[in-house]
PDB file of N, CA and C in Angstrom:
ATOM      1  N   MET A   1     -59.423 -12.807  17.320  1.00  0.00           N
ATOM      2  CA  MET A   1     -59.822 -12.615  15.969  1.00  0.00           C
ATOM      3  C   MET A   1     -61.239 -12.043  15.899  1.00  0.00           C
ATOM      4  N   LEU A   2     -62.159 -12.591  16.712  1.00  0.00           N
ATOM      5  CA  LEU A   2     -63.527 -12.076  16.688  1.00  0.00           C
ATOM      6  C   LEU A   2     -63.557 -10.585  17.006  1.00  0.00           C
ATOM      7  N   LYS A   3     -62.808 -10.186  18.027  1.00  0.00           N
ATOM      8  CA  LYS A   3     -62.785  -8.779  18.423  1.00  0.00           C
ATOM      9  C   LYS A   3     -62.292  -7.894  17.284  1.00  0.00           C
ATOM     10  N   SER A   4     -61.272  -8.329  16.566  1.00  0.00           N
ATOM     11  CA  SER A   4     -60.721  -7.506  15.489  1.00  0.00           C
ATOM     12  C   SER A   4     -61.735  -7.278  14.369  1.00  0.00           C
ATOM     13  N   HIS A   5     -62.732  -8.144  14.267  1.00  0.00           N
ATOM     14  CA  HIS A   5     -63.780  -7.994  13.256  1.00  0.00           C
ATOM     15  C   HIS A   5     -65.097  -7.475  13.841  1.00  0.00           C
ATOM     16  N   GLY A   6     -65.106  -7.176  15.139  1.00  0.00           N
ATOM     17  CA  GLY A   6     -66.309  -6.656  15.780  1.00  0.00           C
ATOM     18  C   GLY A   6     -67.410  -7.671  15.948  1.00  0.00           C
ATOM     19  N   ILE A   7     -67.048  -8.941  15.945  1.00  0.00           N
ATOM     20  CA  ILE A   7     -68.040 -10.009  16.068  1.00  0.00           C
ATOM     21  C   ILE A   7     -68.135 -10.414  17.531  1.00  0.00           C
ATOM     22  N   GLY A   8     -69.324 -10.340  18.071  1.00  0.00           N
ATOM     23  CA  GLY A   8     -69.519 -10.660  19.477  1.00  0.00           C
ATOM     24  C   GLY A   8     -69.829 -12.122  19.709  1.00  0.00           C
ATOM     25  N   GLN A   9     -69.727 -12.491  20.963  1.00  0.00           N
ATOM     26  CA  GLN A   9     -69.986 -13.865  21.339  1.00  0.00           C
ATOM     27  C   GLN A   9     -71.471 -14.118  21.552  1.00  0.00           C
ATOM     28  N   VAL A  10     -71.849 -15.365  21.383  1.00  0.00           N
ATOM     29  CA  VAL A  10     -73.173 -15.844  21.750  1.00  0.00           C
ATOM     30  C   VAL A  10     -72.932 -16.846  22.864  1.00  0.00           C
ATOM     31  N   LEU A  11     -73.491 -16.572  24.021  1.00  0.00           N
ATOM     32  CA  LEU A  11     -73.328 -17.454  25.177  1.00  0.00           C
ATOM     33  C   LEU A  11     -74.547 -18.357  25.253  1.00  0.00           C
ATOM     34  N   SER A  12     -74.307 -19.654  25.337  1.00  0.00           N
ATOM     35  CA  SER A  12     -75.421 -20.608  25.308  1.00  0.00           C
ATOM     36  C   SER A  12     -75.362 -21.560  26.488  1.00  0.00           C
ATOM     37  N   HIS A  13     -76.490 -21.699  27.170  1.00  0.00           N
ATOM     38  CA  HIS A  13     -76.644 -22.725  28.199  1.00  0.00           C
ATOM     39  C   HIS A  13     -77.269 -23.912  27.498  1.00  0.00           C
ATOM     40  N   TRP A  14     -76.412 -24.909  27.240  1.00  0.00           N
ATOM     41  CA  TRP A  14     -76.843 -26.024  26.421  1.00  0.00           C
ATOM     42  C   TRP A  14     -76.127 -27.284  26.874  1.00  0.00           C
ATOM     43  N   THR A  15     -76.712 -28.404  26.625  1.00  0.00           N
ATOM     44  CA  THR A  15     -76.304 -29.747  27.014  1.00  0.00           C
ATOM     45  C   THR A  15     -74.835 -29.895  27.417  1.00  0.00           C
ATOM     46  N   TRP A  16     -73.933 -29.697  26.505  1.00  0.00           N
ATOM     47  CA  TRP A  16     -72.533 -30.045  26.743  1.00  0.00           C
ATOM     48  C   TRP A  16     -71.610 -28.836  26.857  1.00  0.00           C
ATOM     49  N   LEU A  17     -72.134 -27.639  26.747  1.00  0.00           N
ATOM     50  CA  LEU A  17     -71.284 -26.453  26.842  1.00  0.00           C
ATOM     51  C   LEU A  17     -70.947 -26.134  28.300  1.00  0.00           C
ATOM     52  N   PRO A  18     -69.842 -25.422  28.529  1.00  0.00           N
ATOM     53  CA  PRO A  18     -69.519 -24.989  29.896  1.00  0.00           C
ATOM     54  C   PRO A  18     -70.586 -24.029  30.419  1.00  0.00           C
ATOM     55  N   HIS A  19     -70.587 -23.813  31.721  1.00  0.00           N
ATOM     56  CA  HIS A  19     -71.509 -22.843  32.321  1.00  0.00           C
ATOM     57  C   HIS A  19     -71.345 -21.481  31.647  1.00  0.00           C
ATOM     58  N   LEU A  20     -72.394 -20.683  31.664  1.00  0.00           N
ATOM     59  CA  LEU A  20     -72.374 -19.373  31.005  1.00  0.00           C
ATOM     60  C   LEU A  20     -71.224 -18.486  31.493  1.00  0.00           C
ATOM     61  N   LYS A  21     -71.026 -18.419  32.801  1.00  0.00           N
ATOM     62  CA  LYS A  21     -69.943 -17.578  33.321  1.00  0.00           C
ATOM     63  C   LYS A  21     -68.581 -18.090  32.882  1.00  0.00           C
ATOM     64  N   ASP A  22     -68.428 -19.392  32.727  1.00  0.00           N
ATOM     65  CA  ASP A  22     -67.166 -19.943  32.236  1.00  0.00           C
ATOM     66  C   ASP A  22     -66.939 -19.547  30.777  1.00  0.00           C
ATOM     67  N   GLN A  23     -68.005 -19.560  29.981  1.00  0.00           N
ATOM     68  CA  GLN A  23     -67.889 -19.109  28.590  1.00  0.00           C
ATOM     69  C   GLN A  23     -67.498 -17.632  28.548  1.00  0.00           C
ATOM     70  N   PHE A  24     -68.149 -16.830  29.376  1.00  0.00           N
ATOM     71  CA  PHE A  24     -67.877 -15.387  29.414  1.00  0.00           C
ATOM     72  C   PHE A  24     -66.447 -15.117  29.881  1.00  0.00           C
ATOM     73  N   SER A  25     -65.965 -15.905  30.818  1.00  0.00           N
ATOM     74  CA  SER A  25     -64.604 -15.695  31.328  1.00  0.00           C
ATOM     75  C   SER A  25     -63.555 -15.979  30.251  1.00  0.00           C
ATOM     76  N   LYS A  26     -63.885 -16.848  29.294  1.00  0.00           N
ATOM     77  CA  LYS A  26     -62.948 -17.109  28.192  1.00  0.00           C
ATOM     78  C   LYS A  26     -62.736 -15.857  27.337  1.00  0.00           C
ATOM     79  N   ALA A  27     -63.681 -14.938  27.392  1.00  0.00           N
ATOM     80  CA  ALA A  27     -63.541 -13.645  26.706  1.00  0.00           C
ATOM     81  C   ALA A  27     -63.048 -12.581  27.686  1.00  0.00           C
ATOM     82  N   GLU A  28     -62.460 -13.028  28.781  1.00  0.00           N
ATOM     83  CA  GLU A  28     -61.943 -12.140  29.837  1.00  0.00           C
ATOM     84  C   GLU A  28     -63.019 -11.200  30.371  1.00  0.00           C
ATOM     85  N   ASN A  29     -64.260 -11.718  30.437  1.00  0.00           N
ATOM     86  CA  ASN A  29     -65.412 -10.971  30.958  1.00  0.00           C
ATOM     87  C   ASN A  29     -65.619  -9.649  30.223  1.00  0.00           C
ATOM     88  N   ARG A  30     -65.353  -9.681  28.919  1.00  0.00           N
ATOM     89  CA  ARG A  30     -65.544  -8.491  28.086  1.00  0.00           C
ATOM     90  C   ARG A  30     -66.521  -8.808  26.965  1.00  0.00           C
ATOM     91  N   PHE A  31     -67.152  -7.757  26.492  1.00  0.00           N
ATOM     92  CA  PHE A  31     -68.033  -7.846  25.334  1.00  0.00           C
ATOM     93  C   PHE A  31     -67.324  -7.119  24.199  1.00  0.00           C
ATOM     94  N   PHE A  32     -67.352  -7.668  23.012  1.00  0.00           N
ATOM     95  CA  PHE A  32     -66.615  -7.017  21.938  1.00  0.00           C
ATOM     96  C   PHE A  32     -67.376  -6.943  20.623  1.00  0.00           C
ATOM     97  N   ASN A  33     -68.679  -7.106  20.675  1.00  0.00           N
ATOM     98  CA  ASN A  33     -69.492  -6.949  19.479  1.00  0.00           C
ATOM     99  C   ASN A  33     -69.505  -5.477  19.092  1.00  0.00           C
ATOM    100  N   ALA A  34     -69.197  -5.170  17.850  1.00  0.00           N
ATOM    101  CA  ALA A  34     -69.159  -3.787  17.382  1.00  0.00           C
ATOM    102  C   ALA A  34     -70.513  -3.096  17.565  1.00  0.00           C
ATOM    103  N   GLY A  35     -71.585  -3.870  17.595  1.00  0.00           N
ATOM    104  CA  GLY A  35     -72.916  -3.308  17.781  1.00  0.00           C
ATOM    105  C   GLY A  35     -73.302  -3.102  19.232  1.00  0.00           C
ATOM    106  N   GLY A  36     -72.411  -3.452  20.177  1.00  0.00           N
ATOM    107  CA  GLY A  36     -72.692  -3.250  21.594  1.00  0.00           C
ATOM    108  C   GLY A  36     -73.795  -4.142  22.128  1.00  0.00           C
ATOM    109  N   ARG A  37     -73.824  -5.389  21.675  1.00  0.00           N
ATOM    110  CA  ARG A  37     -74.855  -6.330  22.098  1.00  0.00           C
ATOM    111  C   ARG A  37     -74.216  -7.662  22.462  1.00  0.00           C
ATOM    112  N   VAL A  38     -74.945  -8.428  23.266  1.00  0.00           N
ATOM    113  CA  VAL A  38     -74.575  -9.813  23.544  1.00  0.00           C
ATOM    114  C   VAL A  38     -75.861 -10.635  23.533  1.00  0.00           C
ATOM    115  N   LEU A  39     -75.750 -11.854  23.055  1.00  0.00           N
ATOM    116  CA  LEU A  39     -76.890 -12.765  23.027  1.00  0.00           C
ATOM    117  C   LEU A  39     -76.614 -13.909  23.993  1.00  0.00           C
ATOM    118  N   ILE A  40     -77.584 -14.154  24.878  1.00  0.00           N
ATOM    119  CA  ILE A  40     -77.531 -15.289  25.797  1.00  0.00           C
ATOM    120  C   ILE A  40     -78.679 -16.213  25.414  1.00  0.00           C
ATOM    121  N   ARG A  41     -78.350 -17.464  25.142  1.00  0.00           N
ATOM    122  CA  ARG A  41     -79.352 -18.460  24.767  1.00  0.00           C
ATOM    123  C   ARG A  41     -79.504 -19.461  25.910  1.00  0.00           C
ATOM    124  N   LEU A  42     -80.702 -19.562  26.444  1.00  0.00           N
ATOM    125  CA  LEU A  42     -81.008 -20.534  27.496  1.00  0.00           C
ATOM    126  C   LEU A  42     -81.776 -21.662  26.815  1.00  0.00           C
ATOM    127  N   VAL A  43     -81.061 -22.726  26.450  1.00  0.00           N
ATOM    128  CA  VAL A  43     -81.632 -23.748  25.579  1.00  0.00           C
ATOM    129  C   VAL A  43     -82.044 -25.003  26.333  1.00  0.00           C
ATOM    130  N   THR A  44     -81.090 -25.659  26.990  1.00  0.00           N
ATOM    131  CA  THR A  44     -81.378 -26.898  27.715  1.00  0.00           C
ATOM    132  C   THR A  44     -80.598 -26.910  29.024  1.00  0.00           C
ATOM    133  N   PRO A  45     -81.006 -27.747  29.968  1.00  0.00           N
ATOM    134  CA  PRO A  45     -80.162 -27.960  31.136  1.00  0.00           C
ATOM    135  C   PRO A  45     -78.854 -28.615  30.698  1.00  0.00           C
ATOM    136  N   ARG A  46     -77.795 -28.343  31.412  1.00  0.00           N
ATOM    137  CA  ARG A  46     -76.514 -28.978  31.110  1.00  0.00           C
ATOM    138  C   ARG A  46     -76.631 -30.487  31.360  1.00  0.00           C
ATOM    139  N   ASN A  47     -75.915 -31.241  30.592  1.00  0.00           N
ATOM    140  CA  ASN A  47     -75.856 -32.705  30.711  1.00  0.00           C
ATOM    141  C   ASN A  47     -77.195 -33.395  30.461  1.00  0.00           C
ATOM    142  N   MET A  48     -78.097 -32.725  29.749  1.00  0.00           N
ATOM    143  CA  MET A  48     -79.374 -33.340  29.392  1.00  0.00           C
ATOM    144  C   MET A  48     -79.554 -33.190  27.879  1.00  0.00           C
ATOM    145  N   ARG A  49     -79.732 -34.302  27.210  1.00  0.00           N
ATOM    146  CA  ARG A  49     -79.856 -34.276  25.756  1.00  0.00           C
ATOM    147  C   ARG A  49     -81.108 -33.534  25.314  1.00  0.00           C
ATOM    148  N   TYR A  50     -81.004 -32.900  24.146  1.00  0.00           N
ATOM    149  CA  TYR A  50     -82.078 -32.078  23.606  1.00  0.00           C
ATOM    150  C   TYR A  50     -83.382 -32.872  23.478  1.00  0.00           C
ATOM    151  N   ASP A  51     -83.297 -34.102  22.960  1.00  0.00           N
ATOM    152  CA  ASP A  51     -84.512 -34.904  22.793  1.00  0.00           C
ATOM    153  C   ASP A  51     -85.115 -35.302  24.139  1.00  0.00           C
ATOM    154  N   GLU A  52     -84.265 -35.524  25.136  1.00  0.00           N
ATOM    155  CA  GLU A  52     -84.769 -35.845  26.475  1.00  0.00           C
ATOM    156  C   GLU A  52     -85.520 -34.654  27.073  1.00  0.00           C
ATOM    157  N   THR A  53     -85.018 -33.450  26.815  1.00  0.00           N
ATOM    158  CA  THR A  53     -85.688 -32.262  27.366  1.00  0.00           C
ATOM    159  C   THR A  53     -87.088 -32.108  26.783  1.00  0.00           C
ATOM    160  N   TYR A  54     -87.240 -32.479  25.525  1.00  0.00           N
ATOM    161  CA  TYR A  54     -88.567 -32.408  24.908  1.00  0.00           C
ATOM    162  C   TYR A  54     -89.538 -33.337  25.617  1.00  0.00           C
ATOM    163  N   SER A  55     -89.136 -34.568  25.791  1.00  0.00           N
ATOM    164  CA  SER A  55     -90.049 -35.539  26.395  1.00  0.00           C
ATOM    165  C   SER A  55     -90.374 -35.181  27.844  1.00  0.00           C
ATOM    166  N   ARG A  56     -89.439 -34.554  28.545  1.00  0.00           N
ATOM    167  CA  ARG A  56     -89.706 -34.161  29.936  1.00  0.00           C
ATOM    168  C   ARG A  56     -90.567 -32.903  30.032  1.00  0.00           C
ATOM    169  N   ALA A  57     -90.382 -31.973  29.101  1.00  0.00           N
ATOM    170  CA  ALA A  57     -91.031 -30.668  29.225  1.00  0.00           C
ATOM    171  C   ALA A  57     -92.352 -30.538  28.469  1.00  0.00           C
ATOM    172  N   PHE A  58     -92.562 -31.346  27.441  1.00  0.00           N
ATOM    173  CA  PHE A  58     -93.792 -31.250  26.660  1.00  0.00           C
ATOM    174  C   PHE A  58     -94.999 -31.442  27.557  1.00  0.00           C
ATOM    175  N   PRO A  59     -96.033 -30.635  27.504  1.00  0.00           N
ATOM    176  CA  PRO A  59     -96.423 -29.682  26.467  1.00  0.00           C
ATOM    177  C   PRO A  59     -95.968 -28.240  26.738  1.00  0.00           C
ATOM    178  N   PHE A  60     -94.962 -28.053  27.543  1.00  0.00           N
ATOM    179  CA  PHE A  60     -94.326 -26.752  27.767  1.00  0.00           C
ATOM    180  C   PHE A  60     -95.247 -25.721  28.421  1.00  0.00           C
ATOM    181  N   ASP A  61     -96.165 -26.168  29.233  1.00  0.00           N
ATOM    182  CA  ASP A  61     -97.118 -25.250  29.856  1.00  0.00           C
ATOM    183  C   ASP A  61     -96.858 -25.025  31.341  1.00  0.00           C
ATOM    184  N   THR A  62     -95.801 -25.638  31.871  1.00  0.00           N
ATOM    185  CA  THR A  62     -95.484 -25.475  33.281  1.00  0.00           C
ATOM    186  C   THR A  62     -93.994 -25.749  33.492  1.00  0.00           C
ATOM    187  N   MET A  63     -93.482 -25.295  34.597  1.00  0.00           N
ATOM    188  CA  MET A  63     -92.101 -25.603  34.944  1.00  0.00           C
ATOM    189  C   MET A  63     -92.022 -27.066  35.356  1.00  0.00           C
ATOM    190  N   VAL A  64     -90.922 -27.723  35.015  1.00  0.00           N
ATOM    191  CA  VAL A  64     -90.734 -29.133  35.330  1.00  0.00           C
ATOM    192  C   VAL A  64     -89.734 -29.238  36.473  1.00  0.00           C
ATOM    193  N   GLU A  65     -90.169 -29.837  37.545  1.00  0.00           N
ATOM    194  CA  GLU A  65     -89.305 -29.977  38.717  1.00  0.00           C
ATOM    195  C   GLU A  65     -87.986 -30.660  38.346  1.00  0.00           C
ATOM    196  N   GLY A  66     -86.897 -30.065  38.798  1.00  0.00           N
ATOM    197  CA  GLY A  66     -85.574 -30.614  38.577  1.00  0.00           C
ATOM    198  C   GLY A  66     -84.912 -30.244  37.260  1.00  0.00           C
ATOM    199  N   MET A  67     -85.630 -29.542  36.388  1.00  0.00           N
ATOM    200  CA  MET A  67     -85.033 -29.168  35.097  1.00  0.00           C
ATOM    201  C   MET A  67     -84.344 -27.807  35.137  1.00  0.00           C
ATOM    202  N   LEU A  68     -84.904 -26.863  35.833  1.00  0.00           N
ATOM    203  CA  LEU A  68     -84.363 -25.503  35.812  1.00  0.00           C
ATOM    204  C   LEU A  68     -83.083 -25.436  36.631  1.00  0.00           C
ATOM    205  N   ASP A  69     -82.004 -25.056  35.976  1.00  0.00           N
ATOM    206  CA  ASP A  69     -80.693 -24.944  36.602  1.00  0.00           C
ATOM    207  C   ASP A  69     -80.561 -23.552  37.221  1.00  0.00           C
ATOM    208  N   GLN A  70     -80.518 -23.496  38.541  1.00  0.00           N
ATOM    209  CA  GLN A  70     -80.426 -22.202  39.224  1.00  0.00           C
ATOM    210  C   GLN A  70     -79.129 -21.470  38.884  1.00  0.00           C
ATOM    211  N   ARG A  71     -78.069 -22.219  38.619  1.00  0.00           N
ATOM    212  CA  ARG A  71     -76.823 -21.557  38.211  1.00  0.00           C
ATOM    213  C   ARG A  71     -77.005 -20.862  36.860  1.00  0.00           C
ATOM    214  N   MET A  72     -77.806 -21.437  35.978  1.00  0.00           N
ATOM    215  CA  MET A  72     -78.091 -20.802  34.695  1.00  0.00           C
ATOM    216  C   MET A  72     -78.700 -19.426  34.928  1.00  0.00           C
ATOM    217  N   ILE A  73     -79.644 -19.353  35.864  1.00  0.00           N
ATOM    218  CA  ILE A  73     -80.291 -18.076  36.186  1.00  0.00           C
ATOM    219  C   ILE A  73     -79.266 -17.107  36.764  1.00  0.00           C
ATOM    220  N   GLU A  74     -78.492 -17.555  37.734  1.00  0.00           N
ATOM    221  CA  GLU A  74     -77.499 -16.691  38.383  1.00  0.00           C
ATOM    222  C   GLU A  74     -76.444 -16.211  37.399  1.00  0.00           C
ATOM    223  N   ASP A  75     -75.954 -17.098  36.546  1.00  0.00           N
ATOM    224  CA  ASP A  75     -74.957 -16.704  35.551  1.00  0.00           C
ATOM    225  C   ASP A  75     -75.531 -15.682  34.578  1.00  0.00           C
ATOM    226  N   THR A  76     -76.771 -15.893  34.166  1.00  0.00           N
ATOM    227  CA  THR A  76     -77.423 -14.950  33.251  1.00  0.00           C
ATOM    228  C   THR A  76     -77.495 -13.567  33.877  1.00  0.00           C
ATOM    229  N   ILE A  77     -77.897 -13.511  35.124  1.00  0.00           N
ATOM    230  CA  ILE A  77     -78.009 -12.230  35.821  1.00  0.00           C
ATOM    231  C   ILE A  77     -76.644 -11.567  35.970  1.00  0.00           C
ATOM    232  N   ALA A  78     -75.637 -12.338  36.318  1.00  0.00           N
ATOM    233  CA  ALA A  78     -74.286 -11.776  36.465  1.00  0.00           C
ATOM    234  C   ALA A  78     -73.793 -11.192  35.140  1.00  0.00           C
ATOM    235  N   ILE A  79     -74.065 -11.871  34.044  1.00  0.00           N
ATOM    236  CA  ILE A  79     -73.653 -11.362  32.730  1.00  0.00           C
ATOM    237  C   ILE A  79     -74.462 -10.129  32.367  1.00  0.00           C
ATOM    238  N   MET A  80     -75.745 -10.110  32.705  1.00  0.00           N
ATOM    239  CA  MET A  80     -76.569  -8.916  32.484  1.00  0.00           C
ATOM    240  C   MET A  80     -75.989  -7.721  33.237  1.00  0.00           C
ATOM    241  N   GLU A  81     -75.603  -7.943  34.483  1.00  0.00           N
ATOM    242  CA  GLU A  81     -75.036  -6.860  35.293  1.00  0.00           C
ATOM    243  C   GLU A  81     -73.728  -6.351  34.693  1.00  0.00           C
ATOM    244  N   ALA A  82     -72.885  -7.274  34.241  1.00  0.00           N
ATOM    245  CA  ALA A  82     -71.628  -6.870  33.605  1.00  0.00           C
ATOM    246  C   ALA A  82     -71.898  -6.077  32.330  1.00  0.00           C
ATOM    247  N   ALA A  83     -72.885  -6.502  31.576  1.00  0.00           N
ATOM    248  CA  ALA A  83     -73.230  -5.800  30.335  1.00  0.00           C
ATOM    249  C   ALA A  83     -73.693  -4.379  30.625  1.00  0.00           C
ATOM    250  N   ILE A  84     -74.531  -4.225  31.622  1.00  0.00           N
ATOM    251  CA  ILE A  84     -75.008  -2.889  31.977  1.00  0.00           C
ATOM    252  C   ILE A  84     -73.831  -1.998  32.363  1.00  0.00           C
ATOM    253  N   GLN A  85     -72.917  -2.530  33.159  1.00  0.00           N
ATOM    254  CA  GLN A  85     -71.740  -1.758  33.571  1.00  0.00           C
ATOM    255  C   GLN A  85     -70.879  -1.353  32.381  1.00  0.00           C
ATOM    256  N   GLN A  86     -70.881  -2.193  31.330  1.00  0.00           N
ATOM    257  CA  GLN A  86     -70.058  -1.909  30.152  1.00  0.00           C
ATOM    258  C   GLN A  86     -70.848  -1.238  29.023  1.00  0.00           C
ATOM    259  N   GLY A  87     -72.103  -0.887  29.290  1.00  0.00           N
ATOM    260  CA  GLY A  87     -72.921  -0.208  28.286  1.00  0.00           C
ATOM    261  C   GLY A  87     -73.321  -1.098  27.114  1.00  0.00           C
ATOM    262  N   VAL A  88     -73.528  -2.371  27.386  1.00  0.00           N
ATOM    263  CA  VAL A  88     -73.864  -3.347  26.353  1.00  0.00           C
ATOM    264  C   VAL A  88     -75.308  -3.795  26.518  1.00  0.00           C
ATOM    265  N   HIS A  89     -76.014  -3.919  25.412  1.00  0.00           N
ATOM    266  CA  HIS A  89     -77.402  -4.385  25.405  1.00  0.00           C
ATOM    267  C   HIS A  89     -77.417  -5.915  25.407  1.00  0.00           C
ATOM    268  N   VAL A  90     -78.261  -6.504  26.243  1.00  0.00           N
ATOM    269  CA  VAL A  90     -78.363  -7.959  26.350  1.00  0.00           C
ATOM    270  C   VAL A  90     -79.660  -8.445  25.718  1.00  0.00           C
ATOM    271  N   ASP A  91     -79.548  -9.415  24.835  1.00  0.00           N
ATOM    272  CA  ASP A  91     -80.708 -10.116  24.287  1.00  0.00           C
ATOM    273  C   ASP A  91     -80.669 -11.529  24.864  1.00  0.00           C
ATOM    274  N   ILE A  92     -81.811 -11.997  25.353  1.00  0.00           N
ATOM    275  CA  ILE A  92     -81.880 -13.342  25.927  1.00  0.00           C
ATOM    276  C   ILE A  92     -82.955 -14.121  25.186  1.00  0.00           C
ATOM    277  N   MET A  93     -82.560 -15.271  24.670  1.00  0.00           N
ATOM    278  CA  MET A  93     -83.501 -16.184  24.024  1.00  0.00           C
ATOM    279  C   MET A  93     -83.723 -17.345  24.979  1.00  0.00           C
ATOM    280  N   VAL A  94     -84.980 -17.609  25.306  1.00  0.00           N
ATOM    281  CA  VAL A  94     -85.291 -18.674  26.253  1.00  0.00           C
ATOM    282  C   VAL A  94     -86.096 -19.755  25.542  1.00  0.00           C
ATOM    283  N   ASN A  95     -85.626 -20.995  25.661  1.00  0.00           N
ATOM    284  CA  ASN A  95     -86.296 -22.137  25.069  1.00  0.00           C
ATOM    285  C   ASN A  95     -87.112 -22.835  26.161  1.00  0.00           C
ATOM    286  N   ASN A  96     -88.292 -23.311  25.803  1.00  0.00           N
ATOM    287  CA  ASN A  96     -89.110 -24.079  26.750  1.00  0.00           C
ATOM    288  C   ASN A  96     -88.329 -25.222  27.374  1.00  0.00           C
ATOM    289  N   ARG A  97     -87.410 -25.799  26.628  1.00  0.00           N
ATOM    290  CA  ARG A  97     -86.670 -26.973  27.080  1.00  0.00           C
ATOM    291  C   ARG A  97     -85.666 -26.665  28.186  1.00  0.00           C
ATOM    292  N   ALA A  98     -85.447 -25.398  28.475  1.00  0.00           N
ATOM    293  CA  ALA A  98     -84.505 -25.027  29.542  1.00  0.00           C
ATOM    294  C   ALA A  98     -85.086 -25.282  30.927  1.00  0.00           C
ATOM    295  N   GLY A  99     -86.380 -25.530  31.016  1.00  0.00           N
ATOM    296  CA  GLY A  99     -86.981 -25.781  32.314  1.00  0.00           C
ATOM    297  C   GLY A  99     -88.455 -26.108  32.254  1.00  0.00           C
ATOM    298  N   GLY A 100     -89.026 -26.077  31.064  1.00  0.00           N
ATOM    299  CA  GLY A 100     -90.423 -26.448  30.929  1.00  0.00           C
ATOM    300  C   GLY A 100     -91.315 -25.394  30.310  1.00  0.00           C
ATOM    301  N   ASN A 101     -91.054 -24.118  30.603  1.00  0.00           N
ATOM    302  CA  ASN A 101     -91.930 -23.063  30.116  1.00  0.00           C
ATOM    303  C   ASN A 101     -91.123 -21.766  29.981  1.00  0.00           C
ATOM    304  N   ALA A 102     -90.858 -21.355  28.750  1.00  0.00           N
ATOM    305  CA  ALA A 102     -89.997 -20.195  28.489  1.00  0.00           C
ATOM    306  C   ALA A 102     -90.493 -18.897  29.145  1.00  0.00           C
ATOM    307  N   PRO A 103     -91.785 -18.577  29.068  1.00  0.00           N
ATOM    308  CA  PRO A 103     -92.221 -17.335  29.716  1.00  0.00           C
ATOM    309  C   PRO A 103     -91.953 -17.323  31.224  1.00  0.00           C
ATOM    310  N   ARG A 104     -92.128 -18.445  31.864  1.00  0.00           N
ATOM    311  CA  ARG A 104     -91.876 -18.495  33.313  1.00  0.00           C
ATOM    312  C   ARG A 104     -90.380 -18.436  33.624  1.00  0.00           C
ATOM    313  N   ILE A 105     -89.561 -19.008  32.760  1.00  0.00           N
ATOM    314  CA  ILE A 105     -88.114 -18.903  32.957  1.00  0.00           C
ATOM    315  C   ILE A 105     -87.691 -17.444  32.808  1.00  0.00           C
ATOM    316  N   ALA A 106     -88.192 -16.778  31.782  1.00  0.00           N
ATOM    317  CA  ALA A 106     -87.875 -15.360  31.569  1.00  0.00           C
ATOM    318  C   ALA A 106     -88.345 -14.526  32.765  1.00  0.00           C
ATOM    319  N   GLN A 107     -89.512 -14.847  33.280  1.00  0.00           N
ATOM    320  CA  GLN A 107     -90.033 -14.146  34.451  1.00  0.00           C
ATOM    321  C   GLN A 107     -89.117 -14.357  35.652  1.00  0.00           C
ATOM    322  N   GLU A 108     -88.621 -15.574  35.839  1.00  0.00           N
ATOM    323  CA  GLU A 108     -87.706 -15.868  36.945  1.00  0.00           C
ATOM    324  C   GLU A 108     -86.420 -15.054  36.819  1.00  0.00           C
ATOM    325  N   VAL A 109     -85.880 -14.966  35.613  1.00  0.00           N
ATOM    326  CA  VAL A 109     -84.675 -14.154  35.393  1.00  0.00           C
ATOM    327  C   VAL A 109     -84.969 -12.698  35.745  1.00  0.00           C
ATOM    328  N   ALA A 110     -86.082 -12.169  35.253  1.00  0.00           N
ATOM    329  CA  ALA A 110     -86.430 -10.767  35.500  1.00  0.00           C
ATOM    330  C   ALA A 110     -86.641 -10.482  36.989  1.00  0.00           C
ATOM    331  N   ILE A 111     -87.379 -11.343  37.662  1.00  0.00           N
ATOM    332  CA  ILE A 111     -87.649 -11.134  39.094  1.00  0.00           C
ATOM    333  C   ILE A 111     -86.353 -11.157  39.888  1.00  0.00           C
ATOM    334  N   ARG A 112     -85.528 -12.144  39.648  1.00  0.00           N
ATOM    335  CA  ARG A 112     -84.271 -12.249  40.392  1.00  0.00           C
ATOM    336  C   ARG A 112     -83.334 -11.087  40.076  1.00  0.00           C
ATOM    337  N   PHE A 113     -83.315 -10.665  38.812  1.00  0.00           N
ATOM    338  CA  PHE A 113     -82.486  -9.520  38.436  1.00  0.00           C
ATOM    339  C   PHE A 113     -82.946  -8.272  39.188  1.00  0.00           C
ATOM    340  N   LEU A 114     -84.239  -8.032  39.191  1.00  0.00           N
ATOM    341  CA  LEU A 114     -84.773  -6.844  39.867  1.00  0.00           C
ATOM    342  C   LEU A 114     -84.533  -6.908  41.377  1.00  0.00           C
ATOM    343  N   GLU A 115     -84.674  -8.072  41.962  1.00  0.00           N
ATOM    344  CA  GLU A 115     -84.406  -8.216  43.397  1.00  0.00           C
ATOM    345  C   GLU A 115     -82.962  -7.866  43.740  1.00  0.00           C
ATOM    346  N   ARG A 116     -82.023  -8.266  42.895  1.00  0.00           N
ATOM    347  CA  ARG A 116     -80.601  -8.005  43.146  1.00  0.00           C
ATOM    348  C   ARG A 116     -80.200  -6.578  42.813  1.00  0.00           C
ATOM    349  N   ASN A 117     -81.003  -5.886  42.016  1.00  0.00           N
ATOM    350  CA  ASN A 117     -80.609  -4.566  41.524  1.00  0.00           C
ATOM    351  C   ASN A 117     -81.629  -3.490  41.861  1.00  0.00           C
ATOM    352  N   LYS A 118     -82.132  -3.533  43.083  1.00  0.00           N
ATOM    353  CA  LYS A 118     -83.113  -2.524  43.520  1.00  0.00           C
ATOM    354  C   LYS A 118     -82.442  -1.199  43.742  1.00  0.00           C
TER     355      LYS A 118
END
């Protein structure tokens, strides 16, 4: 139904949702937003409540050991690569609660992406 209306998916790494690649596979690894975009939200580690992430990550000025899910990074990169192959623009929203410091998480995604795609 979403595809017939040109509405794309929003993939979210969040407390109780499946892994990002599992969410993407439910769409048969396709993007179907009429605008040619996909949004990936890196919100919280899986199986960690939103309020708990705040107390662990505050004041959000550094990465917190044990919070950053490496699979989240790998899944994000894999979806980015698929999007590029399909001519789709990727927007990524990173929350401090995903690992302690959003700019550093974004930097980690960028560095790993560039390393894999030299």
